[in-house]
Structure formats: C-alpha cells, structure tokens
Amino acid sequence: MRYILSIILIGIIGTNCFSQGSWNIGYVEIDSLNSDYLNTQIKLDFKHDWLKIKKPEKRSVRHYVTPEDTAYILINNGKTVLIERRAIYVDHGSFNDQFLEIENYEKNISKRIYNTEIVQLEKDRIKVRVVIQNYKIRDEKIKEELESETVEFWIDKDKLDGIMIKN
C-alpha cells in the first residue's frame, strides 16, 4: 500500500514539475493587415516608442505586447484615452486576458474593452467595433458588471504597431 501511495505522490509532483504554460496569442504587424482579418476578434496594439528601447532584430509576440502603451482616440466625437492592460506571464499568455482600459476619473468604475472587431479597412485607417463594458471596482477588483455599450470608430494605422489575434 505504501508503495502505491509513493508512486501516486511522485507522479503528481512530477506532473506539476514538467507542466508547461500555454500561449494562444498571435500577432499581425499593421503593414500586413488585410481583408482576411475583417470581422475577426482582435486586440489593438498601439504604437510604441521603440527609440527608448532597443528594438530586437527578430521579435516574438512577447516583444510586441509587453509594453503597455497609451493612445488618444476620438470615440463619439470625444477625446478618449485608451490604456493597454496586458497579462503576459513567464510561461503563458492568454488572448482573453488582454484588454484596453478607458481612462476614467471615477475611482469605483472601470471601463474596459475586451471585444474588438475590424469592420472596415482603408489604406491609412481601420474601422473597429468595440464593446465598452463597465465594471464596479472595489479594492482594484471587479465587484459587479454594469451596462455595456457598442461603438464603432476609426483609428489611423500610424497609431498602431499591429493587432493581436487568437491562435
């Protein structure tokens, strides 16, 4: 009986030691964006100032999405500040964990964009449809989901490094 329990215990410990994380985020540079990505769920990646960071020759997805950038966009004729919120870990990164947060001055409300879809492409800009979800926040954690709003707006391509897609 001890022998069997020992084997089971070693098996459980061994399994955890050799586990690997997952990565389901793909990346498309803005110059490679084409009509194949219309009506596809994406995550926007705003332009990063690569002058401050040494740009590696060959970049993985992690190099693109690690910096959390900020962008100023017109939504419903109002200037909106969007902040990238990234959840990239040592051994994994999930497409669903990435979102944009709208700068908001109410401390107990968080406005987030998890769902973004490209609806139209032009030479110098793209039109996206987003769902802005509002959450009640307490102690930096979501306590309650509030109403959501769907909006469409244009983004100049020169504001973007690329887009993330789900692999």
C-alpha atoms as a PDB file:
ATOM      1  CA  MET A   1       0.000   0.000   0.000  1.00  0.00           C
ATOM      2  CA  ARG A   2       2.883   2.402   0.832  1.00  0.00           C
ATOM      3  CA  TYR A   3       4.491   1.597  -2.480  1.00  0.00           C
ATOM      4  CA  ILE A   4       1.319   2.513  -4.402  1.00  0.00           C
ATOM      5  CA  LEU A   5       0.847   5.759  -2.457  1.00  0.00           C
ATOM      6  CA  SER A   6       4.506   6.660  -3.035  1.00  0.00           C
ATOM      7  CA  ILE A   7       4.153   6.120  -6.801  1.00  0.00           C
ATOM      8  CA  ILE A   8       0.972   8.231  -6.914  1.00  0.00           C
ATOM      9  CA  LEU A   9       2.587  11.036  -4.902  1.00  0.00           C
ATOM     10  CA  ILE A  10       5.722  11.062  -7.067  1.00  0.00           C
ATOM     11  CA  GLY A  11       3.538  11.032 -10.182  1.00  0.00           C
ATOM     12  CA  ILE A  12       1.534  14.043  -9.009  1.00  0.00           C
ATOM     13  CA  ILE A  13       4.635  16.011  -8.051  1.00  0.00           C
ATOM     14  CA  GLY A  14       6.419  15.038 -11.263  1.00  0.00           C
ATOM     15  CA  THR A  15       3.469  16.080 -13.403  1.00  0.00           C
ATOM     16  CA  ASN A  16       3.444  19.556 -11.873  1.00  0.00           C
ATOM     17  CA  CYS A  17       7.201  19.926 -12.346  1.00  0.00           C
ATOM     18  CA  PHE A  18       7.007  19.239 -16.073  1.00  0.00           C
ATOM     19  CA  SER A  19       3.864  21.256 -16.838  1.00  0.00           C
ATOM     20  CA  GLN A  20       4.153  23.986 -19.435  1.00  0.00           C
ATOM     21  CA  GLY A  21       2.169  27.136 -19.875  1.00  0.00           C
ATOM     22  CA  SER A  22       0.126  27.923 -22.929  1.00  0.00           C
ATOM     23  CA  TRP A  23       0.271  30.752 -25.417  1.00  0.00           C
ATOM     24  CA  ASN A  24      -2.670  31.464 -27.717  1.00  0.00           C
ATOM     25  CA  ILE A  25      -1.770  34.956 -28.923  1.00  0.00           C
ATOM     26  CA  GLY A  26      -0.733  35.605 -32.497  1.00  0.00           C
ATOM     27  CA  TYR A  27       0.456  38.935 -33.857  1.00  0.00           C
ATOM     28  CA  VAL A  28      -0.033  40.739 -37.165  1.00  0.00           C
ATOM     29  CA  GLU A  29       2.039  43.845 -37.877  1.00  0.00           C
ATOM     30  CA  ILE A  30      -0.068  46.748 -39.099  1.00  0.00           C
ATOM     31  CA  ASP A  31       1.562  46.727 -42.574  1.00  0.00           C
ATOM     32  CA  SER A  32       0.499  43.066 -43.017  1.00  0.00           C
ATOM     33  CA  LEU A  33      -3.143  43.690 -42.118  1.00  0.00           C
ATOM     34  CA  ASN A  34      -5.521  42.729 -44.933  1.00  0.00           C
ATOM     35  CA  SER A  35      -9.176  41.843 -45.568  1.00  0.00           C
ATOM     36  CA  ASP A  36      -8.655  38.323 -44.146  1.00  0.00           C
ATOM     37  CA  TYR A  37      -8.990  39.922 -40.699  1.00  0.00           C
ATOM     38  CA  LEU A  38     -12.361  41.602 -41.287  1.00  0.00           C
ATOM     39  CA  ASN A  39     -14.995  40.547 -38.724  1.00  0.00           C
ATOM     40  CA  THR A  40     -12.318  38.805 -36.633  1.00  0.00           C
ATOM     41  CA  GLN A  41     -11.912  39.277 -32.888  1.00  0.00           C
ATOM     42  CA  ILE A  42      -8.669  41.174 -32.278  1.00  0.00           C
ATOM     43  CA  LYS A  43      -6.816  43.169 -29.636  1.00  0.00           C
ATOM     44  CA  LEU A  44      -5.332  46.507 -30.651  1.00  0.00           C
ATOM     45  CA  ASP A  45      -1.634  47.139 -30.049  1.00  0.00           C
ATOM     46  CA  PHE A  46      -0.858  50.843 -30.090  1.00  0.00           C
ATOM     47  CA  LYS A  47       2.374  52.266 -31.411  1.00  0.00           C
ATOM     48  CA  HIS A  48       5.271  52.017 -29.016  1.00  0.00           C
ATOM     49  CA  ASP A  49       8.176  54.443 -28.924  1.00  0.00           C
ATOM     50  CA  TRP A  50      10.913  51.994 -29.924  1.00  0.00           C
ATOM     51  CA  LEU A  51      13.504  54.781 -29.728  1.00  0.00           C
ATOM     52  CA  LYS A  52      13.584  54.352 -25.936  1.00  0.00           C
ATOM     53  CA  ILE A  53      14.013  50.567 -26.156  1.00  0.00           C
ATOM     54  CA  LYS A  54      16.467  48.635 -28.289  1.00  0.00           C
ATOM     55  CA  LYS A  55      14.307  47.044 -30.961  1.00  0.00           C
ATOM     56  CA  PRO A  56      15.387  43.405 -31.387  1.00  0.00           C
ATOM     57  CA  GLU A  57      16.077  42.103 -34.882  1.00  0.00           C
ATOM     58  CA  LYS A  58      13.738  39.154 -34.552  1.00  0.00           C
ATOM     59  CA  ARG A  59      10.789  39.766 -32.265  1.00  0.00           C
ATOM     60  CA  SER A  60       8.429  37.311 -30.671  1.00  0.00           C
ATOM     61  CA  VAL A  61       4.845  38.170 -29.772  1.00  0.00           C
ATOM     62  CA  ARG A  62       6.054  38.938 -26.239  1.00  0.00           C
ATOM     63  CA  HIS A  63       8.220  41.832 -27.519  1.00  0.00           C
ATOM     64  CA  TYR A  64       5.233  43.439 -29.202  1.00  0.00           C
ATOM     65  CA  VAL A  65       2.707  43.177 -26.407  1.00  0.00           C
ATOM     66  CA  THR A  66       4.806  43.632 -23.275  1.00  0.00           C
ATOM     67  CA  PRO A  67       4.897  47.459 -23.194  1.00  0.00           C
ATOM     68  CA  GLU A  68       1.586  48.913 -22.010  1.00  0.00           C
ATOM     69  CA  ASP A  69       1.019  51.883 -24.288  1.00  0.00           C
ATOM     70  CA  THR A  70      -1.491  54.721 -24.170  1.00  0.00           C
ATOM     71  CA  ALA A  71      -3.375  56.196 -27.124  1.00  0.00           C
ATOM     72  CA  TYR A  72      -5.713  59.134 -27.664  1.00  0.00           C
ATOM     73  CA  ILE A  73      -8.675  58.243 -29.889  1.00  0.00           C
ATOM     74  CA  LEU A  74     -11.874  60.035 -30.929  1.00  0.00           C
ATOM     75  CA  ILE A  75     -14.888  57.989 -29.836  1.00  0.00           C
ATOM     76  CA  ASN A  76     -18.352  59.507 -30.255  1.00  0.00           C
ATOM     77  CA  ASN A  77     -16.692  62.875 -31.079  1.00  0.00           C
ATOM     78  CA  GLY A  78     -14.909  62.939 -27.729  1.00  0.00           C
ATOM     79  CA  LYS A  79     -11.210  62.527 -26.993  1.00  0.00           C
ATOM     80  CA  THR A  80     -10.753  59.189 -25.223  1.00  0.00           C
ATOM     81  CA  VAL A  81      -7.605  57.866 -23.589  1.00  0.00           C
ATOM     82  CA  LEU A  82      -7.086  54.114 -24.053  1.00  0.00           C
ATOM     83  CA  ILE A  83      -4.525  52.262 -21.943  1.00  0.00           C
ATOM     84  CA  GLU A  84      -3.295  48.784 -22.864  1.00  0.00           C
ATOM     85  CA  ARG A  85      -3.597  46.313 -19.996  1.00  0.00           C
ATOM     86  CA  ARG A  86      -1.506  43.227 -20.600  1.00  0.00           C
ATOM     87  CA  ALA A  87      -1.423  39.975 -18.656  1.00  0.00           C
ATOM     88  CA  ILE A  88       1.681  38.276 -20.012  1.00  0.00           C
ATOM     89  CA  TYR A  89       3.339  35.784 -17.703  1.00  0.00           C
ATOM     90  CA  VAL A  90       6.654  33.943 -17.738  1.00  0.00           C
ATOM     91  CA  ASP A  91       5.209  30.749 -19.198  1.00  0.00           C
ATOM     92  CA  HIS A  92       1.857  31.761 -20.677  1.00  0.00           C
ATOM     93  CA  GLY A  93      -0.249  34.457 -22.251  1.00  0.00           C
ATOM     94  CA  SER A  94      -3.964  34.250 -22.996  1.00  0.00           C
ATOM     95  CA  PHE A  95      -5.737  36.253 -25.700  1.00  0.00           C
ATOM     96  CA  ASN A  96      -8.784  36.676 -23.445  1.00  0.00           C
ATOM     97  CA  ASP A  97      -6.733  38.275 -20.641  1.00  0.00           C
ATOM     98  CA  GLN A  98      -5.676  41.262 -22.761  1.00  0.00           C
ATOM     99  CA  PHE A  99      -7.833  44.397 -22.766  1.00  0.00           C
ATOM    100  CA  LEU A 100      -7.925  48.159 -23.162  1.00  0.00           C
ATOM    101  CA  GLU A 101      -8.992  50.381 -20.308  1.00  0.00           C
ATOM    102  CA  ILE A 102     -10.602  53.758 -20.890  1.00  0.00           C
ATOM    103  CA  GLU A 103      -9.171  56.433 -18.644  1.00  0.00           C
ATOM    104  CA  ASN A 104     -11.909  57.216 -16.190  1.00  0.00           C
ATOM    105  CA  TYR A 105     -11.863  59.582 -13.249  1.00  0.00           C
ATOM    106  CA  GLU A 106     -14.431  57.686 -11.189  1.00  0.00           C
ATOM    107  CA  LYS A 107     -12.347  55.510  -8.860  1.00  0.00           C
ATOM    108  CA  ASN A 108     -15.064  52.896  -8.380  1.00  0.00           C
ATOM    109  CA  ILE A 109     -15.848  52.374 -12.106  1.00  0.00           C
ATOM    110  CA  SER A 110     -13.649  50.704 -14.717  1.00  0.00           C
ATOM    111  CA  LYS A 111     -14.470  50.982 -18.433  1.00  0.00           C
ATOM    112  CA  ARG A 112     -12.867  48.133 -20.370  1.00  0.00           C
ATOM    113  CA  ILE A 113     -12.732  46.907 -23.945  1.00  0.00           C
ATOM    114  CA  TYR A 114     -12.307  43.150 -24.246  1.00  0.00           C
ATOM    115  CA  ASN A 115     -14.133  42.667 -27.566  1.00  0.00           C
ATOM    116  CA  THR A 116     -12.810  44.403 -30.677  1.00  0.00           C
ATOM    117  CA  GLU A 117     -13.628  43.549 -34.266  1.00  0.00           C
ATOM    118  CA  ILE A 118     -12.349  45.064 -37.527  1.00  0.00           C
ATOM    119  CA  VAL A 119     -15.331  46.104 -39.646  1.00  0.00           C
ATOM    120  CA  GLN A 120     -13.625  48.085 -42.416  1.00  0.00           C
ATOM    121  CA  LEU A 121     -10.112  48.584 -43.785  1.00  0.00           C
ATOM    122  CA  GLU A 122      -8.768  51.519 -45.754  1.00  0.00           C
ATOM    123  CA  LYS A 123      -5.243  52.354 -46.860  1.00  0.00           C
ATOM    124  CA  ASP A 124      -4.419  54.586 -43.877  1.00  0.00           C
ATOM    125  CA  ARG A 125      -7.023  53.650 -41.259  1.00  0.00           C
ATOM    126  CA  ILE A 126      -9.221  50.889 -39.888  1.00  0.00           C
ATOM    127  CA  LYS A 127     -12.729  50.971 -38.500  1.00  0.00           C
ATOM    128  CA  VAL A 128     -13.359  48.869 -35.411  1.00  0.00           C
ATOM    129  CA  ARG A 129     -16.423  47.868 -33.440  1.00  0.00           C
ATOM    130  CA  VAL A 130     -15.850  47.569 -29.698  1.00  0.00           C
ATOM    131  CA  VAL A 131     -17.918  46.679 -26.693  1.00  0.00           C
ATOM    132  CA  ILE A 132     -17.227  49.033 -23.792  1.00  0.00           C
ATOM    133  CA  GLN A 133     -18.010  47.132 -20.616  1.00  0.00           C
ATOM    134  CA  ASN A 134     -18.411  48.982 -17.331  1.00  0.00           C
ATOM    135  CA  TYR A 135     -17.498  47.385 -14.026  1.00  0.00           C
ATOM    136  CA  LYS A 136     -17.896  48.445 -10.438  1.00  0.00           C
ATOM    137  CA  ILE A 137     -14.490  48.168  -8.761  1.00  0.00           C
ATOM    138  CA  ARG A 138     -13.586  47.777  -5.103  1.00  0.00           C
ATOM    139  CA  ASP A 139     -10.011  47.309  -3.881  1.00  0.00           C
ATOM    140  CA  GLU A 140      -8.849  47.101  -7.538  1.00  0.00           C
ATOM    141  CA  LYS A 141     -11.057  44.038  -8.157  1.00  0.00           C
ATOM    142  CA  ILE A 142     -14.252  43.721 -10.189  1.00  0.00           C
ATOM    143  CA  LYS A 143     -17.228  43.530  -7.875  1.00  0.00           C
ATOM    144  CA  GLU A 144     -20.105  43.942 -10.317  1.00  0.00           C
ATOM    145  CA  GLU A 145     -20.645  44.043 -14.081  1.00  0.00           C
ATOM    146  CA  LEU A 146     -22.655  47.073 -15.174  1.00  0.00           C
ATOM    147  CA  GLU A 147     -24.104  48.076 -18.561  1.00  0.00           C
ATOM    148  CA  SER A 148     -22.174  47.841 -21.793  1.00  0.00           C
ATOM    149  CA  GLU A 149     -22.168  49.913 -24.970  1.00  0.00           C
ATOM    150  CA  THR A 150     -21.177  49.006 -28.534  1.00  0.00           C
ATOM    151  CA  VAL A 151     -19.475  51.726 -30.577  1.00  0.00           C
ATOM    152  CA  GLU A 152     -17.619  51.988 -33.881  1.00  0.00           C
ATOM    153  CA  PHE A 153     -14.751  54.357 -34.606  1.00  0.00           C
ATOM    154  CA  TRP A 154     -11.818  54.877 -36.963  1.00  0.00           C
ATOM    155  CA  ILE A 155      -8.162  54.517 -35.983  1.00  0.00           C
ATOM    156  CA  ASP A 156      -5.321  55.802 -38.112  1.00  0.00           C
ATOM    157  CA  LYS A 157      -2.910  52.952 -38.874  1.00  0.00           C
ATOM    158  CA  ASP A 158       0.021  55.128 -37.847  1.00  0.00           C
ATOM    159  CA  LYS A 159      -1.231  54.902 -34.242  1.00  0.00           C
ATOM    160  CA  LEU A 160      -0.856  51.102 -34.274  1.00  0.00           C
ATOM    161  CA  ASP A 161       2.094  48.714 -34.280  1.00  0.00           C
ATOM    162  CA  GLY A 162      -0.282  45.845 -35.088  1.00  0.00           C
ATOM    163  CA  ILE A 163      -3.054  43.640 -33.770  1.00  0.00           C
ATOM    164  CA  MET A 164      -3.187  40.521 -31.632  1.00  0.00           C
ATOM    165  CA  ILE A 165      -5.249  37.583 -32.857  1.00  0.00           C
ATOM    166  CA  LYS A 166      -6.280  34.383 -31.153  1.00  0.00           C
ATOM    167  CA  ASN A 167      -4.297  31.338 -32.302  1.00  0.00           C
END
